[in-house]
Amino acid sequence: YGGVWGPRGQFMLAHGYNGSFHLWRRLSADGDEWQPEVSVSGHFGPVEEVAWAPRGDYLLSASADQTVRVFSQ
């Protein structure tokens, strides 16, 4: 449904229409190899927006179920 790149391009987070999250980590400098990672929990409704904090310390998500979640390491 949509996604965002991590602050330095090392990660990509995608979100599905049903609120699921999928996280991948880049393994190679040329970007040809990616590995799925354990992702954060999702919402109960469709995710409308995701954004990384400027330094990459936090991830914010907002959903049509009227919830906002903040995630950190």
Protein backbone atom coordinates (compact mmCIF):
# COMPACT_ATOMS: atom_id res chain seq x y z
CA TYR A 1 0.00 0.00 0.00
CA GLY A 2 2.96 2.32 0.69
CA GLY A 3 6.33 2.64 2.35
CA VAL A 4 9.26 4.78 3.40
CA TRP A 5 13.04 4.54 3.26
CA GLY A 6 15.10 4.69 6.45
CA PRO A 7 17.14 7.87 7.03
CA ARG A 8 20.33 6.48 5.44
CA GLY A 9 18.72 4.12 2.95
CA GLN A 10 19.68 1.04 4.96
CA PHE A 11 16.08 0.03 5.68
CA MET A 12 12.77 0.07 3.87
CA LEU A 13 9.47 -0.15 5.74
CA ALA A 14 6.29 -0.99 3.82
CA HIS A 15 2.77 -0.92 5.18
CA GLY A 16 -0.17 -2.92 3.92
CA TYR A 17 -3.79 -1.87 3.58
CA ASN A 18 -4.76 -4.02 6.57
CA GLY A 19 -2.22 -2.31 8.87
CA SER A 20 0.63 -4.80 8.56
CA PHE A 21 4.26 -3.65 8.48
CA HIS A 22 7.13 -5.29 6.56
CA LEU A 23 10.75 -4.27 7.23
CA TRP A 24 13.80 -5.04 5.05
CA ARG A 25 17.50 -4.31 5.72
CA ARG A 26 19.97 -3.69 2.89
CA LEU A 27 22.86 -6.18 3.00
CA SER A 28 24.97 -4.93 0.09
CA ALA A 29 26.22 -1.47 -0.84
CA ASP A 30 24.77 -1.74 -4.35
CA GLY A 31 21.30 -2.48 -2.95
CA ASP A 32 20.91 -5.85 -4.68
CA GLU A 33 20.61 -7.87 -1.48
CA TRP A 34 17.89 -7.28 1.11
CA GLN A 35 16.95 -9.29 4.19
CA PRO A 36 13.54 -9.31 5.88
CA GLU A 37 13.69 -8.19 9.52
CA VAL A 38 11.37 -8.47 12.48
CA SER A 39 8.96 -5.58 12.14
CA VAL A 40 6.97 -3.52 14.57
CA SER A 41 3.35 -4.34 15.29
CA GLY A 42 0.73 -2.69 13.17
CA HIS A 43 -2.62 -1.01 13.59
CA PHE A 44 -6.09 -2.52 13.36
CA GLY A 45 -7.08 -0.27 10.45
CA PRO A 46 -5.36 0.88 7.27
CA VAL A 47 -2.11 2.82 7.81
CA GLU A 48 -2.44 6.29 6.32
CA GLU A 49 1.07 7.66 6.94
CA VAL A 50 4.52 6.65 8.22
CA ALA A 51 7.53 8.90 8.88
CA TRP A 52 11.02 8.54 10.36
CA ALA A 53 12.32 11.06 12.89
CA PRO A 54 15.06 13.24 11.31
CA ARG A 55 17.88 11.31 13.08
CA GLY A 56 16.19 7.95 12.55
CA ASP A 57 15.68 7.25 16.27
CA TYR A 58 11.90 6.91 16.03
CA LEU A 59 9.25 5.81 13.57
CA LEU A 60 5.75 7.30 13.69
CA SER A 61 2.68 5.73 12.08
CA ALA A 62 -0.91 6.98 11.81
CA SER A 63 -3.92 4.85 10.97
CA ALA A 64 -7.50 5.21 9.83
CA ASP A 65 -8.41 3.46 13.10
CA GLN A 66 -7.62 6.84 14.75
CA THR A 67 -4.43 5.64 16.47
CA VAL A 68 -0.88 6.89 16.24
CA ARG A 69 2.08 4.72 17.25
CA VAL A 70 5.65 5.72 18.01
CA PHE A 71 8.33 3.03 17.72
CA SER A 72 11.98 3.01 18.80
CA GLN A 73 14.71 0.40 19.12
